[in-house]
């Protein structure tokens, strides 16, 4: 299923659309921060947040309990912010991969970064192989796994000094299967059931361990990669026409392909390192975005980022409230919710072409 270069699309005004989505993102974050086993009203949440702002904080009457402040600022707000960054990164990564391989069925994990991260993370969780890395051993080991996987895939996919897209996909599938086998060997050798449960929960995708310190690197990577992609949006558009056509129109295809592999791998690796594997976001959100704004990446990239962030924030709310006080992995819910919605979008798209 090839991506179609369709820019003649009845598109809403982008300024208005971005403004609405940005407002929806802020409202979602404030509301979501108050939802959970212990609920805090949106108004109280806003007052708690305003109370932490210099100059403004002194004039806000303190009507909240210390427990509510600790829940909002220490537990829920970092989780909600991380969910917004993770969702945006996965969506933008999906857009990048689909442009690179010119196929709307591509997703952020198509190059095997998810399975590579899982292999190294489970090795660390179950056998303490990376315990010398300290508090952030899980995140660092997952990122190392994704980096190793990408190096292998990139090396195998090079043909005569350039990336061969077909070989890139096939090598990604092969390395992914190898890493999946390694992960299965590690989990079958698990020394205890609790460690195995924690490993499987992480692999299913979760924001449960969110901390403020986890936000810095994913946010910096997202901003940097978004800047790079927005500067190259014309190349992304032309790449959909094919390598030869894009080259004839002035795009340095070889350089752009390398850049997209680096950007997609960096975003996927950093995201998986802090949240585990959250599927369907990078596949579904770009597809839905193109139904709204068309195929121009100048519009697709920012809209996808906002929609992806909002989606993950609300799915995470469902994950921690459906069976409260227990919680479900976010990745399971994105698959359960996203699968039927994606099928509906495909059917709707096919009816539109008929």
Protein backbone atom coordinates (compact mmCIF):
# COMPACT_ATOMS: atom_id res chain seq x y z
CA UNK A 1 0.00 0.00 0.00
CA UNK A 2 1.95 3.00 -1.28
CA UNK A 3 1.60 6.48 0.09
CA UNK A 4 -0.11 8.84 -2.30
CA UNK A 5 1.20 12.34 -2.84
CA UNK A 6 -2.14 14.14 -2.48
CA UNK A 7 -1.82 17.81 -1.57
CA UNK A 8 -5.06 18.89 -3.24
CA UNK A 9 -7.11 18.31 -0.16
CA UNK A 10 -9.84 20.35 1.49
CA UNK A 11 -7.68 21.40 4.38
CA UNK A 12 -8.69 23.39 7.46
CA UNK A 13 -6.80 26.59 8.25
CA UNK A 14 -3.58 25.36 9.79
CA UNK A 15 -3.25 28.19 12.31
CA UNK A 16 -6.73 27.49 13.65
CA UNK A 17 -6.21 23.72 13.64
CA UNK A 18 -2.86 23.92 15.45
CA UNK A 19 -4.38 26.33 17.97
CA UNK A 20 -7.31 24.00 18.67
CA UNK A 21 -5.03 20.96 19.03
CA UNK A 22 -2.57 22.84 21.26
CA UNK A 23 -5.47 23.95 23.51
CA UNK A 24 -6.82 20.37 23.53
CA UNK A 25 -3.35 19.11 24.51
CA UNK A 26 -3.12 21.54 27.45
CA UNK A 27 -6.65 20.75 28.63
CA UNK A 28 -5.93 17.03 28.29
CA UNK A 29 -2.76 17.29 30.37
CA UNK A 30 -4.42 19.30 33.14
CA UNK A 31 -7.48 17.05 33.26
CA UNK A 32 -5.47 13.81 33.02
CA UNK A 33 -3.18 14.92 35.87
CA UNK A 34 -6.18 14.93 38.18
CA UNK A 35 -7.59 11.55 37.17
CA UNK A 36 -6.74 8.33 38.98
CA UNK A 37 -7.58 6.29 42.08
CA UNK A 38 -7.36 9.58 44.02
CA UNK A 39 -9.13 12.19 41.88
CA UNK A 40 -8.30 15.90 41.93
CA UNK A 41 -10.63 18.32 40.17
CA UNK A 42 -9.31 20.22 37.12
CA UNK A 43 -9.80 23.53 38.96
CA UNK A 44 -7.77 22.32 41.93
CA UNK A 45 -5.11 20.97 39.58
CA UNK A 46 -4.82 24.36 37.86
CA UNK A 47 -4.50 26.12 41.22
CA UNK A 48 -1.77 23.70 42.32
CA UNK A 49 0.14 24.31 39.09
CA UNK A 50 -0.29 28.10 39.24
CA UNK A 51 0.85 28.01 42.85
CA UNK A 52 4.27 26.81 41.73
CA UNK A 53 4.82 29.73 39.34
CA UNK A 54 6.97 32.57 40.73
CA UNK A 55 5.11 35.87 41.33
CA UNK A 56 1.73 34.30 40.54
CA UNK A 57 2.00 31.60 43.21
CA UNK A 58 1.86 34.09 46.09
CA UNK A 59 -1.62 35.31 45.20
CA UNK A 60 -3.20 31.84 44.74
CA UNK A 61 -5.11 30.77 47.88
CA UNK A 62 -3.92 27.36 49.07
CA UNK A 63 -7.16 25.36 49.08
CA UNK A 64 -5.59 21.97 48.41
CA UNK A 65 -4.24 19.27 50.70
CA UNK A 66 -0.48 18.51 50.75
CA UNK A 67 -1.32 14.96 49.59
CA UNK A 68 -3.06 16.33 46.49
CA UNK A 69 -0.06 18.51 45.67
CA UNK A 70 2.32 15.57 46.03
CA UNK A 71 0.13 13.40 43.79
CA UNK A 72 -0.13 16.05 41.06
CA UNK A 73 3.43 17.36 41.05
CA UNK A 74 5.32 14.25 42.09
CA UNK A 75 3.42 11.42 40.39
CA UNK A 76 0.87 12.40 37.76
CA UNK A 77 2.23 15.52 36.07
CA UNK A 78 5.59 13.97 35.09
CA UNK A 79 3.68 10.93 33.81
CA UNK A 80 1.28 13.07 31.76
CA UNK A 81 4.13 15.17 30.33
CA UNK A 82 6.07 12.03 29.45
CA UNK A 83 2.96 10.61 27.78
CA UNK A 84 2.62 13.73 25.65
CA UNK A 85 6.29 13.57 24.58
CA UNK A 86 6.20 9.81 23.94
CA UNK A 87 3.00 10.04 21.88
CA UNK A 88 4.35 12.94 19.82
CA UNK A 89 7.65 11.15 19.22
CA UNK A 90 5.98 7.91 18.14
CA UNK A 91 3.64 9.74 15.76
CA UNK A 92 6.43 11.82 14.19
CA UNK A 93 8.63 8.73 13.97
CA UNK A 94 5.81 6.94 12.14
CA UNK A 95 5.52 9.81 9.64
CA UNK A 96 9.29 9.65 9.09
CA UNK A 97 9.37 5.90 8.50
CA UNK A 98 6.39 6.00 6.14
CA UNK A 99 8.07 8.71 4.07
CA UNK A 100 11.36 6.81 4.05
CA UNK A 101 9.93 3.51 2.80
CA UNK A 102 7.01 5.13 0.91
CA UNK A 103 4.48 2.85 2.59
CA UNK A 104 1.71 3.87 4.98
CA UNK A 105 1.91 0.50 6.78
CA UNK A 106 5.37 1.34 8.15
CA UNK A 107 5.68 2.15 11.85
CA UNK A 108 8.46 3.25 14.24
CA UNK A 109 9.39 -0.35 15.08
CA UNK A 110 9.79 -1.63 11.54
CA UNK A 111 13.61 -1.60 11.80
CA UNK A 112 13.65 -3.85 14.87
CA UNK A 113 14.48 -1.19 17.46
CA UNK A 114 11.66 -2.40 19.71
CA UNK A 115 12.92 -5.98 19.89
CA UNK A 116 16.52 -4.84 20.26
CA UNK A 117 15.57 -2.65 23.21
CA UNK A 118 13.52 -5.46 24.74
CA UNK A 119 16.42 -7.92 24.53
CA UNK A 120 18.86 -5.65 26.36
CA UNK A 121 16.25 -4.38 28.84
CA UNK A 122 15.14 -7.87 29.87
CA UNK A 123 18.77 -8.93 30.24
CA UNK A 124 19.24 -6.04 32.65
CA UNK A 125 15.97 -6.55 34.55
CA UNK A 126 16.23 -10.30 34.98
CA UNK A 127 19.97 -10.79 35.40
CA UNK A 128 21.24 -7.35 36.46
CA UNK A 129 23.63 -7.15 33.51
CA UNK A 130 23.53 -3.34 33.49
CA UNK A 131 23.15 -2.68 37.21
CA UNK A 132 26.47 -0.78 37.17
CA UNK A 133 24.63 2.01 35.28
CA UNK A 134 22.72 2.87 38.45
CA UNK A 135 19.21 4.34 38.73
CA UNK A 136 18.68 4.69 35.00
CA UNK A 137 20.06 1.27 34.06
CA UNK A 138 16.76 0.19 32.45
CA UNK A 139 16.49 3.22 30.18
CA UNK A 140 20.16 3.19 29.24
CA UNK A 141 20.22 -0.56 28.52
CA UNK A 142 17.09 -0.25 26.34
CA UNK A 143 18.67 2.59 24.39
CA UNK A 144 21.89 0.60 23.93
CA UNK A 145 19.80 -2.28 22.56
CA UNK A 146 18.06 -0.03 20.05
CA UNK A 147 21.38 1.54 18.99
CA UNK A 148 23.03 -1.86 18.44
CA UNK A 149 20.04 -3.01 16.38
CA UNK A 150 20.09 0.08 14.18
CA UNK A 151 23.83 -0.25 13.55
CA UNK A 152 23.33 -3.84 12.37
CA UNK A 153 20.34 -2.97 10.17
CA UNK A 154 22.04 0.06 8.67
CA UNK A 155 25.24 -1.88 7.93
CA UNK A 156 23.36 -4.74 6.23
CA UNK A 157 21.13 -2.42 4.18
CA UNK A 158 23.99 -0.49 2.54
CA UNK A 159 24.53 -1.47 -1.08
CA UNK A 160 27.35 0.29 -2.96
CA UNK A 161 27.50 3.05 -0.40
CA UNK A 162 23.76 3.85 -0.31
CA UNK A 163 20.74 2.56 1.55
CA UNK A 164 18.65 0.03 -0.35
CA UNK A 165 15.07 0.45 0.93
CA UNK A 166 14.07 -3.16 0.23
CA UNK A 167 17.16 -4.46 1.97
CA UNK A 168 16.57 -2.03 4.85
CA UNK A 169 13.11 -3.50 5.45
CA UNK A 170 14.21 -7.12 5.07
CA UNK A 171 17.24 -6.67 7.32
CA UNK A 172 14.99 -4.93 9.89
CA UNK A 173 12.65 -7.93 9.88
CA UNK A 174 15.56 -10.38 10.16
CA UNK A 175 17.29 -8.55 13.02
CA UNK A 176 13.92 -8.10 14.73
CA UNK A 177 13.30 -11.85 14.65
CA UNK A 178 16.80 -12.56 15.96
CA UNK A 179 16.36 -10.11 18.84
CA UNK A 180 12.92 -11.54 19.59
CA UNK A 181 14.48 -15.00 19.84
CA UNK A 182 17.17 -13.66 22.18
CA UNK A 183 14.47 -12.05 24.35
CA UNK A 184 12.55 -15.34 24.54
CA UNK A 185 15.70 -17.20 25.63
CA UNK A 186 16.32 -14.59 28.34
CA UNK A 187 12.73 -14.66 29.66
CA UNK A 188 12.58 -18.48 29.65
CA UNK A 189 15.73 -18.43 31.79
CA UNK A 190 14.26 -15.93 34.25
CA UNK A 191 15.44 -16.66 37.81
CA UNK A 192 12.19 -15.51 39.45
CA UNK A 193 8.53 -14.93 38.55
CA UNK A 194 8.42 -11.33 39.83
CA UNK A 195 11.26 -10.27 37.58
CA UNK A 196 9.59 -11.96 34.62
CA UNK A 197 6.31 -10.15 35.36
CA UNK A 198 8.08 -6.78 35.53
CA UNK A 199 9.90 -7.46 32.27
CA UNK A 200 6.71 -8.44 30.44
CA UNK A 201 4.87 -5.39 31.84
CA UNK A 202 7.66 -3.08 30.59
CA UNK A 203 7.73 -4.74 27.15
CA UNK A 204 3.98 -4.14 26.82
CA UNK A 205 4.57 -0.40 27.25
CA UNK A 206 4.00 1.63 30.39
CA UNK A 207 4.48 5.13 31.80
CA UNK A 208 4.23 3.93 35.40
CA UNK A 209 7.85 4.72 36.29
CA UNK A 210 7.76 8.30 34.94
CA UNK A 211 10.02 10.83 36.66
CA UNK A 212 10.86 14.43 35.88
CA UNK A 213 14.42 13.36 35.08
CA UNK A 214 13.12 11.08 32.32
CA UNK A 215 11.65 14.02 30.39
CA UNK A 216 14.83 15.89 29.50
CA UNK A 217 16.34 13.61 26.85
CA UNK A 218 13.10 12.57 25.06
CA UNK A 219 11.92 16.19 24.90
CA UNK A 220 15.28 17.43 23.61
CA UNK A 221 15.37 14.67 20.97
CA UNK A 222 11.78 15.39 19.90
CA UNK A 223 12.43 19.14 19.49
CA UNK A 224 15.69 18.54 17.60
CA UNK A 225 14.21 15.91 15.28
CA UNK A 226 11.09 17.99 14.61
CA UNK A 227 13.29 20.93 13.65
CA UNK A 228 15.35 18.76 11.28
CA UNK A 229 12.24 17.23 9.68
CA UNK A 230 10.45 20.57 9.27
CA UNK A 231 13.52 22.00 7.56
CA UNK A 232 13.45 19.02 5.17
CA UNK A 233 9.66 18.78 4.65
CA UNK A 234 10.00 19.49 0.92
CA UNK A 235 12.40 16.56 0.57
CA UNK A 236 9.97 14.32 2.43
CA UNK A 237 7.21 15.32 0.03
CA UNK A 238 9.33 14.68 -3.05
CA UNK A 239 10.67 11.40 -1.68
CA UNK A 240 7.16 9.96 -2.03
CA UNK A 241 7.52 10.35 -5.82
CA UNK A 242 10.41 7.87 -5.88
CA UNK A 243 14.19 8.16 -5.63
CA UNK A 244 14.78 9.05 -9.28
CA UNK A 245 12.05 11.70 -9.42
CA UNK A 246 13.16 13.22 -6.12
CA UNK A 247 16.78 13.31 -7.31
CA UNK A 248 15.75 14.97 -10.58
CA UNK A 249 13.94 17.67 -8.59
CA UNK A 250 17.06 18.55 -6.61
CA UNK A 251 16.86 16.29 -3.54
CA UNK A 252 20.03 14.61 -2.33
CA UNK A 253 18.28 11.26 -1.86
CA UNK A 254 21.24 9.42 -0.31
CA UNK A 255 21.84 12.11 2.30
CA UNK A 256 18.13 12.45 3.08
CA UNK A 257 17.66 8.70 3.53
CA UNK A 258 20.57 8.53 5.97
CA UNK A 259 19.17 11.51 7.85
CA UNK A 260 15.71 9.92 8.12
CA UNK A 261 17.15 6.62 9.38
CA UNK A 262 19.11 8.48 12.07
CA UNK A 263 16.13 10.64 13.08
CA UNK A 264 13.65 7.75 13.20
CA UNK A 265 16.06 5.49 15.08
CA UNK A 266 16.97 8.18 17.59
CA UNK A 267 13.34 9.00 18.36
CA UNK A 268 12.26 5.36 18.54
CA UNK A 269 15.24 4.34 20.67
CA UNK A 270 14.85 7.17 23.20
CA UNK A 271 11.08 6.70 23.40
CA UNK A 272 11.27 2.94 23.95
CA UNK A 273 13.93 3.50 26.58
CA UNK A 274 11.54 5.48 28.79
CA UNK A 275 8.19 3.86 28.01
CA UNK A 276 8.69 0.38 26.57
CA UNK A 277 6.96 -0.63 23.33
CA UNK A 278 3.74 1.31 22.74
CA UNK A 279 2.42 0.16 19.40
CA UNK A 280 -0.15 1.44 16.90
CA UNK A 281 0.42 5.15 17.66
CA UNK A 282 3.07 5.57 14.95
CA UNK A 283 0.95 3.60 12.49
CA UNK A 284 -2.51 5.02 13.16
CA UNK A 285 -1.91 8.71 13.93
CA UNK A 286 -0.06 9.63 10.68
CA UNK A 287 -2.77 7.87 8.65
CA UNK A 288 -5.53 9.75 10.49
CA UNK A 289 -3.63 13.04 10.13
CA UNK A 290 -3.41 12.69 6.34
CA UNK A 291 -7.18 12.21 6.25
CA UNK A 292 -7.50 15.65 7.88
CA UNK A 293 -4.76 17.79 6.31
CA UNK A 294 -3.58 15.92 3.20
CA UNK A 295 -0.08 14.69 2.44
CA UNK A 296 2.06 17.83 2.84
CA UNK A 297 4.62 17.03 5.55
CA UNK A 298 4.78 20.69 6.58
CA UNK A 299 1.28 20.13 7.96
CA UNK A 300 1.40 16.43 8.73
CA UNK A 301 4.36 16.64 11.14
CA UNK A 302 3.01 19.18 13.71
CA UNK A 303 -0.56 17.84 13.59
CA UNK A 304 0.66 14.24 14.05
CA UNK A 305 2.80 15.28 17.02
CA UNK A 306 -0.15 16.91 18.81
CA UNK A 307 -2.61 14.11 18.00
CA UNK A 308 -0.12 11.43 19.08
CA UNK A 309 0.55 13.17 22.39
CA UNK A 310 -3.15 13.63 23.16
CA UNK A 311 -3.88 9.99 22.28
CA UNK A 312 -1.20 8.55 24.58
CA UNK A 313 -2.19 10.85 27.46
CA UNK A 314 -5.80 9.63 27.39
CA UNK A 315 -4.92 5.99 26.81
CA UNK A 316 -2.64 6.20 29.84
CA UNK A 317 -5.56 7.62 31.86
CA UNK A 318 -7.61 4.58 30.85
CA UNK A 319 -4.68 2.29 31.71
CA UNK A 320 -4.50 3.52 35.29
CA UNK A 321 -8.26 3.82 35.95
CA UNK A 322 -9.95 0.85 34.23
CA UNK A 323 -8.92 -1.67 36.89
CA UNK A 324 -7.74 0.77 39.58
CA UNK A 325 -5.80 0.52 41.85
CA UNK A 326 -4.05 -1.91 39.47
CA UNK A 327 -3.12 -0.68 36.00
CA UNK A 328 -2.83 -2.06 32.49
CA UNK A 329 0.15 -1.61 30.15
CA UNK A 330 -0.47 1.29 27.78
CA UNK A 331 0.72 -0.75 24.78
CA UNK A 332 -2.06 -3.30 25.27
CA UNK A 333 -4.75 -0.62 25.30
CA UNK A 334 -3.37 1.19 22.22
CA UNK A 335 -3.59 -2.11 20.34
CA UNK A 336 -7.11 -2.93 21.59
CA UNK A 337 -8.41 0.59 20.93
CA UNK A 338 -6.29 1.43 17.90
CA UNK A 339 -6.85 -1.78 15.95
CA UNK A 340 -10.61 -1.37 15.34
CA UNK A 341 -10.22 2.38 14.71
CA UNK A 342 -7.49 1.74 12.13
CA UNK A 343 -9.63 -0.90 10.38
CA UNK A 344 -12.51 1.60 10.27
CA UNK A 345 -10.21 4.24 8.75
CA UNK A 346 -9.01 1.77 6.11
CA UNK A 347 -12.61 0.85 5.20
CA UNK A 348 -13.60 4.50 5.06
CA UNK A 349 -10.59 5.31 2.88
CA UNK A 350 -11.40 2.45 0.51
CA UNK A 351 -15.02 3.62 0.17
CA UNK A 352 -13.74 7.08 -0.67
CA UNK A 353 -11.59 5.69 -3.51
CA UNK A 354 -14.41 3.56 -4.93
